[in-house]
Amino acid sequence: MTHRHWIIAVLLAIGIAIAGVFYTSLFGAFAWDDGVLILANQGIQDFDHLPKALLSGFWGTAQDMYLVNAVYEQIYRPVVTLAYALQYHFFSTNSFGYHLVSLCLHVCTSLLAFTWLFRRYRDRASFKTLLVLCTFGALIFALHPSRTESVAWISGSTDLWMAFFVLLALLCWQRPFVWWRGLIGTLMFGLALLSKEASVLAPVVVAYELWALQGQKRPWAYVLLFVGPVAALVFRQSVVSADVLYQLSFSVETVQRVLASLGHYVLAVLFPWEPSAQRAFRYTRCPDGYSYNASIVALGGAVLLLFLLLFAASFKYKRLRPWLADSLWFFAPLLPVLNVFDLGSSVLIAERFLYLPILGLVALFVRTSLFLWRRVLVRTLWIGFSFIALVGFSLVTSAHALHFRSSETLWLYQYEVDPNNKVVIEALAAQFDSRGEINKALRLFSKGFNESLKRCDRPGTVKFSLLALDALLRHTPSLDQALLSTIRRTYDDVLSNQVIEINTELLSFSVPLQR
């Protein structure tokens, strides 16, 4: 077989492996935010409304989301909006089609990752060695459990589109540099930025590689590199409000929040055996503020310190610059999601945000493997460990894909993982409420109230009280006048006495609305 035949065979094998692991995701229903972004989104369902949707925020039809977090109003992702509109045109409310698109996009992105790795290290080893290591790297990129949220959840496809365009741009900018391919690459970077904001620093990493690794001397190449992203940013700011929603403040809590976020991301990469869509839930601390796990903060600090030491040492030792370039592909896409600005989210991180950063880790994996390749024993152990990890990734990822079959299966799983997570409690209670299982829903609302009370989360206690009252009112038969009168008095007290106070056989709440 020629080299080309070997590469084609490997690409087919990678695609088949991905399809086998994620096969079950094709049969999932719409879950979680899919209802807001697709089923209730008139902007994508009618081409007459599409121009307005493409010039509006990503959550343009989800007005209730603004009440939860105003930053949603600033998110602008027209590429994904257009992709949803085209999918709705072809598949309507058949979720299978959307999942098929996500799976195909993931396969294509993973094959691009293999190509990028192979070209990146093609001068470092023999063809067969490089073929083996880049195959392992591409499979780690494709099958890591953090991929499940992006592939099996339709609303998580934003990271798929972003990474797809970033990798297309990287292949255009890999050596030898040709101006017309560079121009196409800038366009791809612009599309990546209009798919998701986390790609904004990708051109910076490419510029560093052009300078540090390829010795690029032509200034016009750097200008060309940033044309696409800058144009995309200008276009974004012209159609979406540029108001500053949150002020950046440097404090002890800010440092803890950023380091805890980084620490949780590192844990999600290195120990992904219990994946979660609600990882790193941020609990309030009495009497105010937030609490962070000290060991997680320390881990984030240690990883950041190692990166800064590598960054500083690379100025003196040029042989460290390739290692820094690989590391930058992990840190640069993570920087926008490290909670430098406090957006008030209850969850510090999301596993889907790791979709692009893991590209840097697999690059480090291949470089480390090449460094260890000369010693036969170490090489054997390294490959054996990598193979075991891949098998483990495949099993965990395949099982986790089943959790996204519906909102109910997702929140039942999340409740098993973290039964004290208030977001999960509320979401699962809403599932029981929608099915008419009022007693289960009320028990969960009561648990959410008690968790909020225990953590001095006063808005949480009010929220769970009102949710419970609303559910109780909707499920109380009109003949039960005694309970209906109690509920009516409770609402009257809210208006007159600014207090939620109810005491029935099913509920017992007392929350003052004013301090």
Protein backbone atom coordinates (compact mmCIF):
# COMPACT_ATOMS: atom_id res chain seq x y z
CA MET A 1 0.00 0.00 0.00
CA THR A 2 1.18 3.50 -0.77
CA HIS A 3 1.29 6.25 1.84
CA ARG A 4 -1.88 7.76 0.41
CA HIS A 5 -3.71 4.43 0.72
CA TRP A 6 -2.59 4.08 4.33
CA ILE A 7 -3.87 7.55 5.17
CA ILE A 8 -7.23 6.91 3.49
CA ALA A 9 -7.56 3.63 5.41
CA VAL A 10 -6.77 5.38 8.71
CA LEU A 11 -9.28 8.16 8.00
CA LEU A 12 -11.97 5.58 7.29
CA ALA A 13 -11.11 3.71 10.48
CA ILE A 14 -11.32 6.90 12.53
CA GLY A 15 -14.70 7.74 11.00
CA ILE A 16 -16.06 4.25 11.67
CA ALA A 17 -14.83 4.34 15.28
CA ILE A 18 -16.54 7.69 15.89
CA ALA A 19 -19.78 6.51 14.29
CA GLY A 20 -19.72 3.34 16.40
CA VAL A 21 -19.26 5.22 19.67
CA PHE A 22 -21.82 7.95 18.95
CA TYR A 23 -24.33 5.78 17.07
CA THR A 24 -26.88 5.86 19.89
CA SER A 25 -26.93 9.66 19.87
CA LEU A 26 -28.78 9.59 16.53
CA PHE A 27 -31.97 8.42 18.20
CA GLY A 28 -32.18 11.06 20.91
CA ALA A 29 -35.04 13.53 21.14
CA PHE A 30 -34.83 17.30 21.55
CA ALA A 31 -33.51 18.03 25.05
CA TRP A 32 -32.75 20.92 27.38
CA ASP A 33 -32.29 24.17 25.38
CA ASP A 34 -33.28 22.52 22.08
CA GLY A 35 -36.87 23.55 22.73
CA VAL A 36 -35.94 27.23 22.90
CA LEU A 37 -33.37 27.32 20.10
CA ILE A 38 -35.27 25.14 17.61
CA LEU A 39 -38.81 24.08 18.52
CA ALA A 40 -39.91 27.53 19.72
CA ASN A 41 -37.64 29.62 17.49
CA GLN A 42 -39.74 31.25 14.77
CA GLY A 43 -36.63 32.93 13.39
CA ILE A 44 -35.31 29.64 11.99
CA GLN A 45 -38.65 28.05 11.14
CA ASP A 46 -39.70 30.58 8.51
CA PHE A 47 -37.28 31.93 5.91
CA ASP A 48 -39.22 35.21 5.94
CA HIS A 49 -38.05 35.71 9.53
CA LEU A 50 -34.51 34.46 8.91
CA PRO A 51 -32.92 37.82 7.93
CA LYS A 52 -34.03 39.31 11.25
CA ALA A 53 -32.80 36.23 13.13
CA LEU A 54 -29.38 36.52 11.46
CA LEU A 55 -29.12 40.14 12.62
CA SER A 56 -30.28 39.39 16.17
CA GLY A 57 -28.73 37.76 19.19
CA PHE A 58 -28.41 33.99 19.21
CA TRP A 59 -31.11 33.75 21.88
CA GLY A 60 -33.33 36.26 20.07
CA THR A 61 -36.54 34.31 20.64
CA ALA A 62 -35.71 33.29 24.20
CA GLN A 63 -36.74 36.44 26.02
CA ASP A 64 -36.98 34.62 29.33
CA MET A 65 -33.26 33.81 29.11
CA TYR A 66 -32.46 37.49 29.51
CA LEU A 67 -34.04 37.39 32.95
CA VAL A 68 -31.68 34.59 33.93
CA ASN A 69 -28.50 36.08 32.53
CA ALA A 70 -28.32 39.26 30.48
CA VAL A 71 -25.17 38.12 28.71
CA TYR A 72 -27.34 35.90 26.49
CA GLU A 73 -28.51 39.06 24.75
CA GLN A 74 -24.93 39.74 23.65
CA ILE A 75 -24.26 36.32 22.11
CA TYR A 76 -24.22 36.50 18.31
CA ARG A 77 -23.74 33.30 16.28
CA PRO A 78 -25.33 33.75 12.85
CA VAL A 79 -23.49 30.77 11.34
CA VAL A 80 -25.16 28.41 13.79
CA THR A 81 -28.50 30.19 13.42
CA LEU A 82 -28.30 29.67 9.65
CA ALA A 83 -27.33 26.02 10.17
CA TYR A 84 -30.37 25.47 12.40
CA ALA A 85 -32.61 27.18 9.84
CA LEU A 86 -31.40 24.91 7.04
CA GLN A 87 -31.76 21.83 9.22
CA TYR A 88 -35.30 22.84 10.18
CA HIS A 89 -36.10 23.31 6.49
CA PHE A 90 -35.00 19.74 5.71
CA PHE A 91 -35.88 17.90 8.95
CA SER A 92 -38.59 20.03 10.61
CA THR A 93 -39.08 18.52 14.10
CA ASN A 94 -37.41 15.19 13.31
CA SER A 95 -34.50 15.19 15.76
CA PHE A 96 -32.72 12.36 13.90
CA GLY A 97 -31.65 14.72 11.10
CA TYR A 98 -30.13 17.24 13.52
CA HIS A 99 -28.20 14.52 15.33
CA LEU A 100 -26.97 13.13 12.01
CA VAL A 101 -25.62 16.56 11.03
CA SER A 102 -23.84 16.90 14.39
CA LEU A 103 -22.30 13.45 14.08
CA CYS A 104 -21.11 14.07 10.51
CA LEU A 105 -19.69 17.43 11.56
CA HIS A 106 -17.83 15.79 14.44
CA VAL A 107 -16.40 13.13 12.11
CA CYS A 108 -15.21 15.79 9.64
CA THR A 109 -13.67 17.90 12.40
CA SER A 110 -11.85 14.88 13.84
CA LEU A 111 -10.47 13.97 10.42
CA LEU A 112 -9.28 17.55 10.03
CA ALA A 113 -7.60 17.23 13.43
CA PHE A 114 -5.76 14.13 12.19
CA THR A 115 -4.64 15.97 9.06
CA TRP A 116 -3.47 18.96 11.09
CA LEU A 117 -1.48 16.74 13.46
CA PHE A 118 0.09 14.77 10.63
CA ARG A 119 1.22 17.91 8.81
CA ARG A 120 2.37 19.51 12.04
CA TYR A 121 4.86 16.74 12.85
CA ARG A 122 5.63 15.35 9.39
CA ASP A 123 9.35 16.24 9.69
CA ARG A 124 9.76 14.70 13.14
CA ALA A 125 9.41 10.95 12.51
CA SER A 126 8.97 8.22 9.94
CA PHE A 127 5.67 7.83 8.11
CA LYS A 128 4.55 4.74 10.04
CA THR A 129 5.44 6.20 13.42
CA LEU A 130 3.64 9.42 12.65
CA LEU A 131 0.63 7.54 11.30
CA VAL A 132 0.26 5.58 14.55
CA LEU A 133 0.70 8.57 16.85
CA CYS A 134 -1.56 10.92 14.89
CA THR A 135 -4.24 8.22 14.78
CA PHE A 136 -4.10 7.94 18.56
CA GLY A 137 -4.20 11.72 18.85
CA ALA A 138 -7.19 12.07 16.52
CA LEU A 139 -9.08 9.32 18.36
CA ILE A 140 -8.41 10.98 21.72
CA PHE A 141 -9.72 14.22 20.24
CA ALA A 142 -12.79 12.46 18.84
CA LEU A 143 -13.76 10.07 21.64
CA HIS A 144 -12.98 11.98 24.82
CA PRO A 145 -16.12 12.00 27.04
CA SER A 146 -16.27 15.80 26.94
CA ARG A 147 -17.32 15.47 23.27
CA THR A 148 -20.68 13.97 24.19
CA GLU A 149 -22.29 17.26 25.10
CA SER A 150 -21.39 18.78 21.72
CA VAL A 151 -22.29 15.75 19.59
CA ALA A 152 -25.28 14.17 21.36
CA TRP A 153 -26.96 17.46 22.33
CA ILE A 154 -28.24 19.47 19.37
CA SER A 155 -27.77 22.84 21.10
CA GLY A 156 -24.15 21.92 21.83
CA SER A 157 -23.25 21.97 18.12
CA THR A 158 -21.96 25.55 18.38
CA ASP A 159 -18.56 24.18 19.40
CA LEU A 160 -18.61 21.74 16.48
CA TRP A 161 -19.06 24.53 13.96
CA MET A 162 -16.44 26.71 15.62
CA ALA A 163 -13.79 23.96 15.73
CA PHE A 164 -14.60 22.87 12.18
CA PHE A 165 -13.88 26.33 10.76
CA VAL A 166 -10.83 26.85 12.99
CA LEU A 167 -9.26 23.62 11.74
CA LEU A 168 -10.02 24.52 8.13
CA ALA A 169 -8.25 27.83 8.75
CA LEU A 170 -5.27 26.11 10.37
CA LEU A 171 -4.82 23.81 7.39
CA CYS A 172 -4.90 26.83 5.10
CA TRP A 173 -2.19 28.55 7.17
CA GLN A 174 0.10 25.55 7.58
CA ARG A 175 3.32 25.73 5.62
CA PRO A 176 4.18 26.28 2.89
CA PHE A 177 2.33 29.58 3.11
CA VAL A 178 0.50 30.70 -0.04
CA TRP A 179 -1.34 34.01 -0.02
CA TRP A 180 -4.58 32.73 -1.57
CA ARG A 181 -4.80 29.88 0.95
CA GLY A 182 -4.08 32.40 3.67
CA LEU A 183 -6.98 34.52 2.43
CA ILE A 184 -9.30 31.51 2.60
CA GLY A 185 -7.97 30.83 6.10
CA THR A 186 -8.88 34.33 7.26
CA LEU A 187 -12.41 33.78 5.96
CA MET A 188 -12.59 30.51 7.92
CA PHE A 189 -11.45 32.30 11.10
CA GLY A 190 -14.20 34.86 10.56
CA LEU A 191 -16.81 32.11 10.21
CA ALA A 192 -15.45 30.44 13.35
CA LEU A 193 -15.84 33.68 15.29
CA LEU A 194 -19.41 34.02 14.03
CA SER A 195 -20.04 30.46 15.20
CA LYS A 196 -18.76 30.98 18.74
CA GLU A 197 -16.82 33.70 20.52
CA ALA A 198 -14.18 31.41 22.07
CA SER A 199 -12.33 31.26 18.73
CA VAL A 200 -11.35 34.94 18.94
CA LEU A 201 -7.76 34.17 20.05
CA ALA A 202 -7.06 31.44 17.49
CA PRO A 203 -5.41 33.87 15.01
CA VAL A 204 -3.12 35.07 17.83
CA VAL A 205 -1.81 31.53 18.30
CA VAL A 206 -1.31 31.15 14.54
CA ALA A 207 0.59 34.45 14.47
CA TYR A 208 2.86 33.18 17.26
CA GLU A 209 3.51 29.96 15.35
CA LEU A 210 4.32 31.88 12.16
CA TRP A 211 6.87 33.92 14.07
CA ALA A 212 8.32 31.36 16.49
CA LEU A 213 8.14 28.11 14.51
CA GLN A 214 8.14 29.07 10.83
CA GLY A 215 10.24 32.23 10.93
CA GLN A 216 7.66 34.21 9.00
CA LYS A 217 9.10 37.66 8.21
CA ARG A 218 6.42 39.18 5.98
CA PRO A 219 4.31 41.68 7.97
CA TRP A 220 1.50 41.60 5.40
CA ALA A 221 0.89 37.95 6.25
CA TYR A 222 0.02 38.92 9.82
CA VAL A 223 -2.32 41.65 8.60
CA LEU A 224 -4.02 39.17 6.31
CA LEU A 225 -4.35 36.71 9.19
CA PHE A 226 -6.47 39.11 11.25
CA VAL A 227 -8.65 40.53 8.46
CA GLY A 228 -11.36 37.88 8.79
CA PRO A 229 -11.76 37.95 12.60
CA VAL A 230 -11.62 41.76 12.75
CA ALA A 231 -14.28 42.05 10.05
CA ALA A 232 -16.43 39.50 11.90
CA LEU A 233 -16.04 41.44 15.16
CA VAL A 234 -16.99 44.73 13.51
CA PHE A 235 -20.03 43.10 11.92
CA ARG A 236 -20.99 41.51 15.23
CA GLN A 237 -20.81 44.80 17.13
CA SER A 238 -22.84 46.56 14.43
CA VAL A 239 -25.84 44.29 14.90
CA VAL A 240 -25.65 43.42 18.61
CA SER A 241 -25.53 45.92 21.45
CA ALA A 242 -22.01 46.52 22.69
CA ASP A 243 -23.01 47.67 26.18
CA VAL A 244 -20.67 46.52 28.93
CA LEU A 245 -22.80 44.24 31.06
CA TYR A 246 -20.31 43.36 33.74
CA GLN A 247 -17.31 45.22 35.04
CA LEU A 248 -14.04 43.38 35.49
CA SER A 249 -12.84 43.66 39.07
CA PHE A 250 -9.66 42.15 40.46
CA SER A 251 -10.28 40.65 43.87
CA VAL A 252 -9.56 37.50 45.84
CA GLU A 253 -12.88 36.08 44.69
CA THR A 254 -12.01 36.84 41.05
CA VAL A 255 -8.71 34.97 41.34
CA GLN A 256 -10.40 32.03 43.06
CA ARG A 257 -13.12 31.91 40.41
CA VAL A 258 -10.67 31.89 37.50
CA LEU A 259 -8.30 29.35 39.06
CA ALA A 260 -11.23 27.11 40.09
CA SER A 261 -12.55 27.24 36.53
CA LEU A 262 -9.15 26.25 35.14
CA GLY A 263 -8.80 23.50 37.74
CA HIS A 264 -12.19 22.04 36.86
CA TYR A 265 -11.34 22.07 33.16
CA VAL A 266 -8.09 20.21 33.83
CA LEU A 267 -9.96 17.63 35.93
CA ALA A 268 -12.58 17.22 33.21
CA VAL A 269 -9.79 16.45 30.74
CA LEU A 270 -7.65 14.14 32.85
CA PHE A 271 -10.41 12.39 34.86
CA PRO A 272 -13.45 12.26 32.58
CA TRP A 273 -14.93 9.05 33.94
CA GLU A 274 -18.06 10.70 35.35
CA PRO A 275 -19.05 13.27 32.71
CA SER A 276 -21.64 15.87 33.63
CA ALA A 277 -23.63 18.62 31.95
CA GLN A 278 -23.60 20.49 35.28
CA ARG A 279 -19.95 20.15 36.25
CA ALA A 280 -18.47 22.51 38.86
CA PHE A 281 -21.71 23.87 40.31
CA ARG A 282 -20.92 27.06 42.21
CA TYR A 283 -22.48 27.13 45.67
CA THR A 284 -23.22 30.29 47.60
CA ARG A 285 -21.52 30.85 50.92
CA CYS A 286 -23.16 32.29 54.02
CA PRO A 287 -23.71 35.15 54.55
CA ASP A 288 -22.78 36.09 50.96
CA GLY A 289 -20.36 35.34 48.14
CA TYR A 290 -19.35 31.97 46.71
CA SER A 291 -17.33 29.04 47.97
CA TYR A 292 -14.64 27.29 45.94
CA ASN A 293 -12.90 23.99 46.55
CA ALA A 294 -9.38 24.81 47.78
CA SER A 295 -7.79 21.79 46.08
CA ILE A 296 -9.39 22.70 42.74
CA VAL A 297 -8.16 26.28 43.07
CA ALA A 298 -4.66 24.96 43.88
CA LEU A 299 -4.75 22.68 40.82
CA GLY A 300 -5.72 25.59 38.58
CA GLY A 301 -2.95 27.70 40.11
CA ALA A 302 -0.36 24.95 39.57
CA VAL A 303 -1.32 24.48 35.92
CA LEU A 304 -1.27 28.23 35.29
CA LEU A 305 2.14 28.52 36.97
CA LEU A 306 3.56 25.74 34.79
CA PHE A 307 2.26 27.49 31.68
CA LEU A 308 3.75 30.85 32.74
CA LEU A 309 7.12 29.19 33.47
CA LEU A 310 7.05 27.57 30.03
CA PHE A 311 6.12 30.91 28.48
CA ALA A 312 9.01 32.70 30.20
CA ALA A 313 11.54 29.95 29.47
CA SER A 314 10.62 29.86 25.77
CA PHE A 315 12.16 33.29 25.28
CA LYS A 316 15.57 31.92 26.28
CA TYR A 317 15.33 28.35 25.01
CA LYS A 318 14.00 28.16 21.47
CA ARG A 319 13.50 24.39 21.70
CA LEU A 320 10.66 25.03 24.15
CA ARG A 321 8.68 27.16 21.71
CA PRO A 322 6.97 24.22 19.96
CA TRP A 323 5.79 22.99 23.39
CA LEU A 324 4.49 26.47 24.15
CA ALA A 325 2.67 26.60 20.80
CA ASP A 326 0.90 23.33 21.59
CA SER A 327 0.01 24.58 25.07
CA LEU A 328 -1.40 27.79 23.62
CA TRP A 329 -3.95 25.77 21.66
CA PHE A 330 -5.27 24.60 25.02
CA PHE A 331 -5.13 27.87 26.95
CA ALA A 332 -6.18 30.38 24.26
CA PRO A 333 -9.65 28.90 23.54
CA LEU A 334 -10.19 28.47 27.29
CA LEU A 335 -9.42 32.07 28.23
CA PRO A 336 -12.83 33.44 27.13
CA VAL A 337 -14.61 30.83 29.31
CA LEU A 338 -12.49 31.06 32.47
CA ASN A 339 -15.03 33.41 34.12
CA VAL A 340 -12.68 36.40 34.19
CA PHE A 341 -15.90 38.39 34.03
CA ASP A 342 -18.42 37.12 36.56
CA LEU A 343 -21.55 36.37 34.55
CA GLY A 344 -23.40 35.12 37.61
CA SER A 345 -23.71 31.59 36.29
CA SER A 346 -24.41 28.79 38.77
CA VAL A 347 -22.04 26.48 36.85
CA LEU A 348 -18.39 27.42 36.41
CA ILE A 349 -17.61 25.32 33.36
CA ALA A 350 -19.22 23.28 30.59
CA GLU A 351 -17.60 20.22 29.08
CA ARG A 352 -18.50 21.30 25.55
CA PHE A 353 -16.16 24.29 26.01
CA LEU A 354 -13.28 21.80 25.89
CA TYR A 355 -14.01 20.82 22.30
CA LEU A 356 -11.36 23.08 20.74
CA PRO A 357 -8.87 23.24 23.67
CA ILE A 358 -8.34 19.47 23.58
CA LEU A 359 -6.72 20.04 20.19
CA GLY A 360 -3.77 21.52 22.08
CA LEU A 361 -3.61 18.55 24.43
CA VAL A 362 -3.53 15.99 21.63
CA ALA A 363 -0.80 18.05 19.99
CA LEU A 364 1.16 17.79 23.25
CA PHE A 365 0.36 14.07 23.33
CA VAL A 366 1.92 13.51 19.89
CA ARG A 367 4.94 15.68 20.72
CA THR A 368 5.49 13.85 24.01
CA SER A 369 5.12 10.49 22.26
CA LEU A 370 7.79 11.47 19.72
CA PHE A 371 10.04 12.52 22.60
CA LEU A 372 9.63 9.11 24.28
CA TRP A 373 9.67 7.05 21.09
CA ARG A 374 13.36 6.15 21.12
CA ARG A 375 13.13 3.98 24.25
CA VAL A 376 11.38 0.73 23.43
CA LEU A 377 10.06 -0.04 26.92
CA VAL A 378 8.75 3.47 27.53
CA ARG A 379 7.23 3.51 24.04
CA THR A 380 5.44 0.22 24.65
CA LEU A 381 4.06 1.34 28.01
CA TRP A 382 3.00 4.69 26.57
CA ILE A 383 1.11 3.11 23.66
CA GLY A 384 -0.46 0.54 25.97
CA PHE A 385 -1.63 3.24 28.37
CA SER A 386 -3.01 5.29 25.46
CA PHE A 387 -4.91 2.30 24.09
CA ILE A 388 -6.47 1.54 27.50
CA ALA A 389 -7.46 5.19 27.88
CA LEU A 390 -9.10 5.15 24.43
CA VAL A 391 -11.12 2.06 25.30
CA GLY A 392 -12.21 3.72 28.53
CA PHE A 393 -13.11 6.94 26.69
CA SER A 394 -15.20 4.99 24.18
CA LEU A 395 -17.17 3.16 26.87
CA VAL A 396 -17.85 6.29 28.94
CA THR A 397 -18.71 8.41 25.91
CA SER A 398 -21.09 5.80 24.48
CA ALA A 399 -22.87 5.47 27.82
CA HIS A 400 -23.06 9.23 28.35
CA ALA A 401 -24.61 9.73 24.89
CA LEU A 402 -27.63 7.76 26.14
CA HIS A 403 -28.19 10.35 28.86
CA PHE A 404 -29.05 12.94 26.18
CA ARG A 405 -31.92 10.90 24.75
CA SER A 406 -34.36 13.34 26.37
CA SER A 407 -34.52 16.04 29.02
CA GLU A 408 -35.85 13.55 31.52
CA THR A 409 -33.02 11.02 31.08
CA LEU A 410 -30.47 13.84 31.22
CA TRP A 411 -31.76 15.33 34.48
CA LEU A 412 -32.30 11.94 36.10
CA TYR A 413 -28.65 11.15 35.42
CA GLN A 414 -27.52 14.56 36.65
CA TYR A 415 -29.55 14.10 39.83
CA GLU A 416 -27.69 10.84 40.48
CA VAL A 417 -24.37 12.61 39.97
CA ASP A 418 -25.18 15.64 42.13
CA PRO A 419 -28.50 15.46 44.03
CA ASN A 420 -27.88 18.84 45.71
CA ASN A 421 -27.47 20.84 42.52
CA LYS A 422 -30.30 23.38 42.47
CA VAL A 423 -30.31 23.73 38.69
CA VAL A 424 -30.76 19.97 38.35
CA ILE A 425 -33.42 19.89 41.06
CA GLU A 426 -35.44 22.59 39.31
CA ALA A 427 -35.08 20.99 35.86
CA LEU A 428 -36.06 17.52 37.10
CA ALA A 429 -38.99 18.90 39.08
CA ALA A 430 -40.22 20.63 35.91
CA GLN A 431 -40.09 17.27 34.11
CA PHE A 432 -42.24 15.61 36.79
CA ASP A 433 -44.57 18.62 36.81
CA SER A 434 -45.11 18.42 33.05
CA ARG A 435 -46.02 14.72 33.38
CA GLY A 436 -48.53 15.43 36.15
CA GLU A 437 -46.47 13.73 38.88
CA ILE A 438 -47.13 16.56 41.27
CA ASN A 439 -45.99 14.83 44.47
CA LYS A 440 -42.53 14.09 43.02
CA ALA A 441 -42.29 17.64 41.71
CA LEU A 442 -43.28 19.19 45.05
CA ARG A 443 -40.76 17.03 46.93
CA LEU A 444 -38.03 18.29 44.64
CA PHE A 445 -39.17 21.92 44.97
CA SER A 446 -39.05 21.48 48.75
CA LYS A 447 -35.54 20.04 48.49
CA GLY A 448 -34.45 22.97 46.33
CA PHE A 449 -35.93 25.37 48.89
CA ASN A 450 -34.06 23.68 51.75
CA GLU A 451 -30.78 23.62 49.80
CA SER A 452 -31.15 27.34 49.08
CA LEU A 453 -31.98 28.04 52.71
CA LYS A 454 -28.97 26.06 53.91
CA ARG A 455 -26.65 28.02 51.66
CA CYS A 456 -28.16 31.44 52.43
CA ASP A 457 -29.36 31.73 48.84
CA ARG A 458 -32.37 33.97 49.43
CA PRO A 459 -33.33 34.41 45.75
CA GLY A 460 -33.26 30.62 45.47
CA THR A 461 -35.68 30.16 48.36
CA VAL A 462 -38.10 32.66 46.80
CA LYS A 463 -37.81 31.02 43.39
CA PHE A 464 -38.49 27.48 44.63
CA SER A 465 -41.37 28.73 46.77
CA LEU A 466 -43.07 30.40 43.81
CA LEU A 467 -42.42 27.40 41.55
CA ALA A 468 -43.95 25.09 44.11
CA LEU A 469 -46.97 27.34 44.57
CA ASP A 470 -47.50 27.59 40.83
CA ALA A 471 -47.31 23.80 40.42
CA LEU A 472 -49.62 23.24 43.37
CA LEU A 473 -52.16 25.72 41.98
CA ARG A 474 -52.21 24.15 38.52
CA HIS A 475 -52.69 20.63 39.88
CA THR A 476 -55.25 21.41 42.58
CA PRO A 477 -58.77 20.34 41.53
CA SER A 478 -61.41 23.05 41.64
CA LEU A 479 -63.40 21.06 44.22
CA ASP A 480 -60.59 21.35 46.78
CA GLN A 481 -61.70 24.79 47.95
CA ALA A 482 -59.76 24.61 51.22
CA LEU A 483 -56.37 24.23 49.48
CA LEU A 484 -57.29 26.79 46.83
CA SER A 485 -58.16 29.28 49.57
CA THR A 486 -54.81 28.65 51.26
CA ILE A 487 -52.98 29.29 47.97
CA ARG A 488 -55.01 32.46 47.40
CA ARG A 489 -54.13 33.77 50.88
CA THR A 490 -50.47 33.03 50.16
CA TYR A 491 -50.52 35.15 47.00
CA ASP A 492 -52.37 37.92 48.87
CA ASP A 493 -49.63 37.89 51.52
CA VAL A 494 -47.02 38.28 48.78
CA LEU A 495 -48.73 41.49 47.63
CA SER A 496 -49.66 42.94 51.01
CA ASN A 497 -47.10 41.65 53.52
CA GLN A 498 -44.19 40.87 51.14
CA VAL A 499 -43.88 37.34 52.43
CA ILE A 500 -44.42 33.85 51.00
CA GLU A 501 -45.83 31.71 53.76
CA ILE A 502 -47.69 28.46 53.16
CA ASN A 503 -48.28 25.51 55.41
CA THR A 504 -50.14 22.53 53.93
CA GLU A 505 -49.77 18.78 54.00
CA LEU A 506 -47.60 18.99 50.89
CA LEU A 507 -45.64 22.22 51.42
CA SER A 508 -44.27 24.29 54.27
CA PHE A 509 -42.51 27.49 53.19
CA SER A 510 -41.92 30.86 54.82
CA VAL A 511 -39.84 33.44 52.97
CA PRO A 512 -39.79 37.22 53.60
CA LEU A 513 -39.43 39.05 50.29
CA GLN A 514 -37.84 42.10 51.87
CA ARG A 515 -34.98 42.21 54.33
